[in-house]
C-alpha atoms as a PDB file:
ATOM      1  CA  MET A   1       2.914  33.583  -2.299  1.00  0.00           C
ATOM      2  CA  THR A   2      -0.035  33.345   0.061  1.00  0.00           C
ATOM      3  CA  ASP A   3      -0.828  30.420   2.308  1.00  0.00           C
ATOM      4  CA  GLU A   4      -3.738  29.658  -0.038  1.00  0.00           C
ATOM      5  CA  ASN A   5      -1.207  27.907  -2.288  1.00  0.00           C
ATOM      6  CA  VAL A   6       0.925  26.322   0.429  1.00  0.00           C
ATOM      7  CA  LEU A   7       0.242  22.804   1.674  1.00  0.00           C
ATOM      8  CA  ILE A   8       1.073  23.086   5.373  1.00  0.00           C
ATOM      9  CA  VAL A   9       1.885  19.869   7.245  1.00  0.00           C
ATOM     10  CA  GLN A  10       2.041  19.726  11.035  1.00  0.00           C
ATOM     11  CA  ALA A  11       2.251  16.772  13.413  1.00  0.00           C
ATOM     12  CA  ASP A  12      -0.245  16.570  16.285  1.00  0.00           C
ATOM     13  CA  THR A  13       2.490  16.119  18.900  1.00  0.00           C
ATOM     14  CA  ALA A  14       6.239  15.525  18.961  1.00  0.00           C
ATOM     15  CA  GLU A  15       5.593  11.875  19.916  1.00  0.00           C
ATOM     16  CA  THR A  16       3.340  10.882  17.005  1.00  0.00           C
ATOM     17  CA  SER A  17       3.589  10.744  13.227  1.00  0.00           C
ATOM     18  CA  LEU A  18      -0.094  11.648  12.879  1.00  0.00           C
ATOM     19  CA  GLY A  19      -0.850  15.149  11.726  1.00  0.00           C
ATOM     20  CA  TRP A  20      -2.896  17.375   9.454  1.00  0.00           C
ATOM     21  CA  ALA A  21      -2.207  18.834   6.029  1.00  0.00           C
ATOM     22  CA  THR A  22      -3.919  22.142   5.278  1.00  0.00           C
ATOM     23  CA  LEU A  23      -4.374  23.896   1.936  1.00  0.00           C
ATOM     24  CA  GLY A  24      -6.427  27.074   2.162  1.00  0.00           C
ATOM     25  CA  GLU A  25      -9.672  26.254   3.944  1.00  0.00           C
ATOM     26  CA  ARG A  26      -9.353  22.489   3.470  1.00  0.00           C
ATOM     27  CA  ARG A  27      -7.453  19.945   5.482  1.00  0.00           C
ATOM     28  CA  TRP A  28      -6.765  16.238   5.465  1.00  0.00           C
ATOM     29  CA  ARG A  29      -5.458  13.695   7.974  1.00  0.00           C
ATOM     30  CA  CYS A  30      -1.923  12.610   7.181  1.00  0.00           C
ATOM     31  CA  THR A  31       1.080  10.853   8.642  1.00  0.00           C
ATOM     32  CA  VAL A  32       4.742  11.840   8.508  1.00  0.00           C
ATOM     33  CA  GLY A  33       8.039  10.062   9.066  1.00  0.00           C
ATOM     34  CA  ALA A  34       8.375   7.452  11.790  1.00  0.00           C
ATOM     35  CA  GLY A  35      11.624   9.234  12.685  1.00  0.00           C
ATOM     36  CA  GLY A  36       9.787  12.488  13.353  1.00  0.00           C
ATOM     37  CA  ILE A  37      10.171  15.870  11.682  1.00  0.00           C
ATOM     38  CA  ARG A  38      13.789  17.022  11.606  1.00  0.00           C
ATOM     39  CA  GLU A  39      15.837  19.975  10.434  1.00  0.00           C
ATOM     40  CA  ASP A  40      18.927  17.742  10.149  1.00  0.00           C
ATOM     41  CA  LYS A  41      17.498  14.924   8.056  1.00  0.00           C
ATOM     42  CA  VAL A  42      19.912  12.332   6.618  1.00  0.00           C
ATOM     43  CA  GLU A  43      19.479   9.289   4.410  1.00  0.00           C
ATOM     44  CA  GLY A  44      17.822   6.366   6.185  1.00  0.00           C
ATOM     45  CA  ASP A  45      16.619   8.188   9.316  1.00  0.00           C
ATOM     46  CA  SER A  46      12.889   7.849   8.438  1.00  0.00           C
ATOM     47  CA  ALA A  47      12.425  11.541   9.225  1.00  0.00           C
ATOM     48  CA  THR A  48      10.406  14.115   7.307  1.00  0.00           C
ATOM     49  CA  PRO A  49      12.474  17.220   6.523  1.00  0.00           C
ATOM     50  CA  VAL A  50      11.489  20.621   7.911  1.00  0.00           C
ATOM     51  CA  GLY A  51      11.139  23.408   5.369  1.00  0.00           C
ATOM     52  CA  GLU A  52       9.296  24.621   2.309  1.00  0.00           C
ATOM     53  CA  PHE A  53       9.644  22.721  -0.945  1.00  0.00           C
ATOM     54  CA  PRO A  54       8.233  22.769  -4.474  1.00  0.00           C
ATOM     55  CA  LEU A  55       6.182  19.892  -5.863  1.00  0.00           C
ATOM     56  CA  ARG A  56       7.760  18.430  -9.009  1.00  0.00           C
ATOM     57  CA  ARG A  57       5.511  15.858 -10.656  1.00  0.00           C
ATOM     58  CA  ILE A  58       3.077  12.986 -10.226  1.00  0.00           C
ATOM     59  CA  TYR A  59       3.684   9.280 -10.836  1.00  0.00           C
ATOM     60  CA  TYR A  60       0.789   6.860 -10.731  1.00  0.00           C
ATOM     61  CA  ARG A  61      -0.274   3.286 -11.434  1.00  0.00           C
ATOM     62  CA  ASN A  62      -2.511   3.650 -14.463  1.00  0.00           C
ATOM     63  CA  ASP A  63      -3.545  -0.001 -14.130  1.00  0.00           C
ATOM     64  CA  LEU A  64      -5.036   0.753 -10.686  1.00  0.00           C
ATOM     65  CA  VAL A  65      -5.873   4.466 -10.588  1.00  0.00           C
ATOM     66  CA  VAL A  66      -7.958   6.796 -12.730  1.00  0.00           C
ATOM     67  CA  LEU A  67      -6.029  10.031 -12.403  1.00  0.00           C
ATOM     68  CA  PRO A  68      -8.194  13.153 -12.067  1.00  0.00           C
ATOM     69  CA  LYS A  69      -7.396  16.261 -14.080  1.00  0.00           C
ATOM     70  CA  VAL A  70      -4.180  17.685 -12.632  1.00  0.00           C
ATOM     71  CA  ALA A  71      -1.928  20.683 -13.226  1.00  0.00           C
ATOM     72  CA  LEU A  72       1.365  19.024 -12.276  1.00  0.00           C
ATOM     73  CA  PRO A  73       3.222  16.954 -14.886  1.00  0.00           C
ATOM     74  CA  ALA A  74       2.181  13.294 -14.594  1.00  0.00           C
ATOM     75  CA  ARG A  75       3.222   9.965 -16.028  1.00  0.00           C
ATOM     76  CA  PRO A  76       2.439   6.310 -15.309  1.00  0.00           C
ATOM     77  CA  ILE A  77       4.809   4.153 -13.266  1.00  0.00           C
ATOM     78  CA  SER A  78       6.396   1.200 -15.053  1.00  0.00           C
ATOM     79  CA  GLU A  79       7.574  -2.077 -13.547  1.00  0.00           C
ATOM     80  CA  HIS A  80      11.190  -1.045 -14.098  1.00  0.00           C
ATOM     81  CA  ASP A  81      10.949   2.338 -12.385  1.00  0.00           C
ATOM     82  CA  GLY A  82      12.980   2.868  -9.234  1.00  0.00           C
ATOM     83  CA  TRP A  83      14.109   5.817  -7.130  1.00  0.00           C
ATOM     84  CA  CYS A  84      17.829   5.926  -6.371  1.00  0.00           C
ATOM     85  CA  ASP A  85      18.559   6.121  -2.630  1.00  0.00           C
ATOM     86  CA  ASP A  86      22.294   5.415  -2.893  1.00  0.00           C
ATOM     87  CA  PRO A  87      24.333   8.585  -2.141  1.00  0.00           C
ATOM     88  CA  ARG A  88      27.289   7.122  -4.068  1.00  0.00           C
ATOM     89  CA  SER A  89      25.321   7.113  -7.310  1.00  0.00           C
ATOM     90  CA  PRO A  90      25.399   9.957  -9.849  1.00  0.00           C
ATOM     91  CA  SER A  91      21.627   9.387 -10.079  1.00  0.00           C
ATOM     92  CA  TYR A  92      21.048   9.835  -6.332  1.00  0.00           C
ATOM     93  CA  ASN A  93      17.508  11.031  -5.584  1.00  0.00           C
ATOM     94  CA  ARG A  94      16.417  10.553  -9.183  1.00  0.00           C
ATOM     95  CA  LEU A  95      14.039   8.244 -11.040  1.00  0.00           C
ATOM     96  CA  VAL A  96      16.080   5.352 -12.469  1.00  0.00           C
ATOM     97  CA  HIS A  97      15.600   2.163 -14.465  1.00  0.00           C
ATOM     98  CA  ILE A  98      15.978  -0.968 -12.334  1.00  0.00           C
ATOM     99  CA  PRO A  99      17.746  -3.258 -11.822  1.00  0.00           C
ATOM    100  CA  ASN A 100      21.049  -1.386 -11.895  1.00  0.00           C
ATOM    101  CA  GLU A 101      24.341  -1.350 -10.008  1.00  0.00           C
ATOM    102  CA  TRP A 102      23.144   1.180  -7.408  1.00  0.00           C
ATOM    103  CA  GLY A 103      20.652   0.934  -4.581  1.00  0.00           C
ATOM    104  CA  ALA A 104      17.121   1.975  -5.519  1.00  0.00           C
ATOM    105  CA  GLU A 105      13.608   1.806  -4.121  1.00  0.00           C
ATOM    106  CA  LYS A 106      11.016   0.106  -6.321  1.00  0.00           C
ATOM    107  CA  MET A 107       8.231   2.409  -7.475  1.00  0.00           C
ATOM    108  CA  TRP A 108       6.024  -0.478  -8.678  1.00  0.00           C
ATOM    109  CA  ARG A 109       4.793  -1.834  -5.348  1.00  0.00           C
ATOM    110  CA  GLU A 110       2.292  -4.469  -4.327  1.00  0.00           C
ATOM    111  CA  ASP A 111       1.154  -2.715  -1.124  1.00  0.00           C
ATOM    112  CA  GLY A 112      -0.539   0.204  -2.917  1.00  0.00           C
ATOM    113  CA  LEU A 113       1.446   2.947  -1.176  1.00  0.00           C
ATOM    114  CA  TYR A 114       2.888   4.223  -4.451  1.00  0.00           C
ATOM    115  CA  ASP A 115      -0.257   3.919  -6.556  1.00  0.00           C
ATOM    116  CA  LEU A 116      -0.184   7.742  -6.365  1.00  0.00           C
ATOM    117  CA  VAL A 117       3.037   9.664  -5.771  1.00  0.00           C
ATOM    118  CA  VAL A 118       3.829  13.382  -5.793  1.00  0.00           C
ATOM    119  CA  VAL A 119       7.568  14.078  -5.889  1.00  0.00           C
ATOM    120  CA  VAL A 120       8.665  16.724  -3.393  1.00  0.00           C
ATOM    121  CA  GLY A 121      11.563  18.934  -4.480  1.00  0.00           C
ATOM    122  CA  TYR A 122      13.779  18.102  -1.502  1.00  0.00           C
ATOM    123  CA  ASN A 123      17.563  17.778  -1.925  1.00  0.00           C
ATOM    124  CA  ASP A 124      17.243  17.594  -5.693  1.00  0.00           C
ATOM    125  CA  ASP A 125      18.613  20.845  -7.098  1.00  0.00           C
ATOM    126  CA  PRO A 126      21.150  19.319  -7.112  1.00  0.00           C
ATOM    127  CA  PRO A 127      21.155  16.313  -4.746  1.00  0.00           C
ATOM    128  CA  GLU A 128      23.936  16.664  -2.186  1.00  0.00           C
ATOM    129  CA  GLY A 129      25.657  14.397   0.308  1.00  0.00           C
ATOM    130  CA  GLU A 130      23.457  12.050   2.291  1.00  0.00           C
ATOM    131  CA  TRP A 131      20.686  14.518   3.133  1.00  0.00           C
ATOM    132  CA  GLY A 132      17.963  12.104   2.096  1.00  0.00           C
ATOM    133  CA  SER A 133      16.008  11.046  -0.960  1.00  0.00           C
ATOM    134  CA  ALA A 134      12.592   9.912  -2.176  1.00  0.00           C
ATOM    135  CA  ILE A 135      10.508  12.421  -0.230  1.00  0.00           C
ATOM    136  CA  PHE A 136       7.004  12.054  -1.639  1.00  0.00           C
ATOM    137  CA  LEU A 137       3.351  12.612  -0.956  1.00  0.00           C
ATOM    138  CA  HIS A 138       1.837   9.137  -1.264  1.00  0.00           C
ATOM    139  CA  ILE A 139      -0.888   6.806   0.001  1.00  0.00           C
ATOM    140  CA  ALA A 140      -0.871   5.923   3.704  1.00  0.00           C
ATOM    141  CA  ARG A 141      -1.230   2.518   5.266  1.00  0.00           C
ATOM    142  CA  ASP A 142      -4.680   1.798   6.688  1.00  0.00           C
ATOM    143  CA  ASP A 143      -3.443   2.470  10.232  1.00  0.00           C
ATOM    144  CA  TYR A 144      -1.591   5.661   9.258  1.00  0.00           C
ATOM    145  CA  ALA A 145       1.706   4.142  10.393  1.00  0.00           C
ATOM    146  CA  GLY A 146       4.704   6.468  10.181  1.00  0.00           C
ATOM    147  CA  THR A 147       6.478   6.622   6.827  1.00  0.00           C
ATOM    148  CA  GLN A 148      10.138   6.472   5.822  1.00  0.00           C
ATOM    149  CA  GLY A 149      10.094  10.272   5.656  1.00  0.00           C
ATOM    150  CA  CYS A 150       7.257  11.004   3.243  1.00  0.00           C
ATOM    151  CA  VAL A 151       3.867  12.578   3.944  1.00  0.00           C
ATOM    152  CA  ALA A 152       1.086  10.042   3.395  1.00  0.00           C
ATOM    153  CA  PHE A 153      -2.685  10.371   2.993  1.00  0.00           C
ATOM    154  CA  ALA A 154      -5.702   8.115   2.678  1.00  0.00           C
ATOM    155  CA  ARG A 155      -6.179   7.176  -0.985  1.00  0.00           C
ATOM    156  CA  ASN A 156      -9.395   9.160  -1.460  1.00  0.00           C
ATOM    157  CA  ASP A 157      -7.944  12.191   0.307  1.00  0.00           C
ATOM    158  CA  LEU A 158      -4.894  12.211  -1.958  1.00  0.00           C
ATOM    159  CA  LEU A 159      -7.134  11.894  -5.006  1.00  0.00           C
ATOM    160  CA  GLU A 160      -9.076  14.911  -3.719  1.00  0.00           C
ATOM    161  CA  LEU A 161      -5.883  16.882  -3.091  1.00  0.00           C
ATOM    162  CA  LEU A 162      -4.123  16.241  -6.420  1.00  0.00           C
ATOM    163  CA  PRO A 163      -6.301  18.510  -8.613  1.00  0.00           C
ATOM    164  CA  LEU A 164      -5.691  21.383  -6.162  1.00  0.00           C
ATOM    165  CA  LEU A 165      -1.913  21.262  -6.595  1.00  0.00           C
ATOM    166  CA  THR A 166      -0.282  23.534  -9.166  1.00  0.00           C
ATOM    167  CA  ARG A 167       3.276  24.235 -10.299  1.00  0.00           C
ATOM    168  CA  GLU A 168       3.268  27.125  -7.822  1.00  0.00           C
ATOM    169  CA  THR A 169       2.076  25.071  -4.825  1.00  0.00           C
ATOM    170  CA  ARG A 170       4.689  24.460  -2.178  1.00  0.00           C
ATOM    171  CA  LEU A 171       4.854  21.977   0.683  1.00  0.00           C
ATOM    172  CA  ARG A 172       5.642  23.542   4.063  1.00  0.00           C
ATOM    173  CA  VAL A 173       6.555  21.114   6.849  1.00  0.00           C
ATOM    174  CA  LEU A 174       6.458  22.793  10.255  1.00  0.00           C
ATOM    175  CA  SER A 175       9.099  21.997  12.859  1.00  0.00           C
ATOM    176  CA  HIS A 176       6.755  22.457  15.821  1.00  0.00           C
ATOM    177  CA  SER A 177       3.744  20.283  16.563  1.00  0.00           C
ATOM    178  CA  ALA A 178       0.197  21.508  17.090  1.00  0.00           C
ATOM    179  CA  ALA A 179       0.500  20.659  20.790  1.00  0.00           C
ATOM    180  CA  GLU A 180       3.618  22.832  21.131  1.00  0.00           C
ATOM    181  CA  GLU A 181       1.857  25.919  19.813  1.00  0.00           C
ATOM    182  CA  ALA A 182      -1.254  25.514  21.997  1.00  0.00           C
ATOM    183  CA  PRO A 183      -1.661  28.605  24.227  1.00  0.00           C
ATOM    184  CA  PRO A 184      -0.846  28.206  27.943  1.00  0.00           C
ATOM    185  CA  PRO A 185      -3.846  28.091  30.288  1.00  0.00           C
ATOM    186  CA  SER A 186      -5.123  31.474  31.401  1.00  0.00           C
ATOM    187  CA  GLU A 187      -5.391  32.490  35.064  1.00  0.00           C
ATOM    188  CA  GLU A 188      -9.139  31.966  34.823  1.00  0.00           C
ATOM    189  CA  ASP A 189      -8.589  28.409  33.519  1.00  0.00           C
ATOM    190  CA  ALA A 190      -6.114  27.772  36.328  1.00  0.00           C
ATOM    191  CA  ARG A 191      -8.621  28.951  38.940  1.00  0.00           C
ATOM    192  CA  ALA A 192     -11.332  26.766  37.393  1.00  0.00           C
ATOM    193  CA  LYS A 193      -8.986  23.777  37.513  1.00  0.00           C
ATOM    194  CA  GLN A 194      -8.184  24.526  41.143  1.00  0.00           C
ATOM    195  CA  PHE A 195     -11.912  24.541  41.914  1.00  0.00           C
ATOM    196  CA  GLU A 196     -12.369  21.212  40.095  1.00  0.00           C
ATOM    197  CA  ASP A 197      -9.602  19.687  42.206  1.00  0.00           C
ATOM    198  CA  PHE A 198     -11.084  21.060  45.444  1.00  0.00           C
ATOM    199  CA  ASP A 199     -12.130  18.456  47.992  1.00  0.00           C
ATOM    200  CA  GLU A 200     -14.460  19.134  50.926  1.00  0.00           C
ATOM    201  CA  LYS A 201     -11.942  17.553  53.282  1.00  0.00           C
ATOM    202  CA  ASP A 202      -9.723  20.560  52.570  1.00  0.00           C
ATOM    203  CA  TRP A 203     -12.039  22.682  54.741  1.00  0.00           C
END
């Protein structure tokens, strides 16, 4: 698989949830988990997991969104849809009917964040332990605040991205930030900086 069919997500720095998502020659602003990007993600840590994952399906509010033509399986969200986040449940990290006896996150939300949802295939084949659940691509808050572990986009950007996703597309979340991979300053840059810092009183 080439990077042309990999959605690559990278935070700007280790201290911020803001980042960029790149697919081929296109990229979109996004935000990741408020708990950072982690290789040792667990349930409830608000972190986005490091790694490469398939994209499973789309859920959407058909009373609020006109879904563009997409290649991934898609179905509308109902008022009784939830996503189980209770590791004790046999339905952990699965779509469930709510209410039920286990803990679950409501998919039908009033804040618009789940008007469009792409399910990421993280810890689902099969779900194990407490390694985390409900990792989605979804709509970001207006201020791009950090998520509970998902990758979030502006509504129009996610609508633009959805038709580009196929059953073969994978999400790759990088462990290192863009700032961490920036090249160190060259000797020429260092000399230029030294000249900028020069003061005549040094004579």
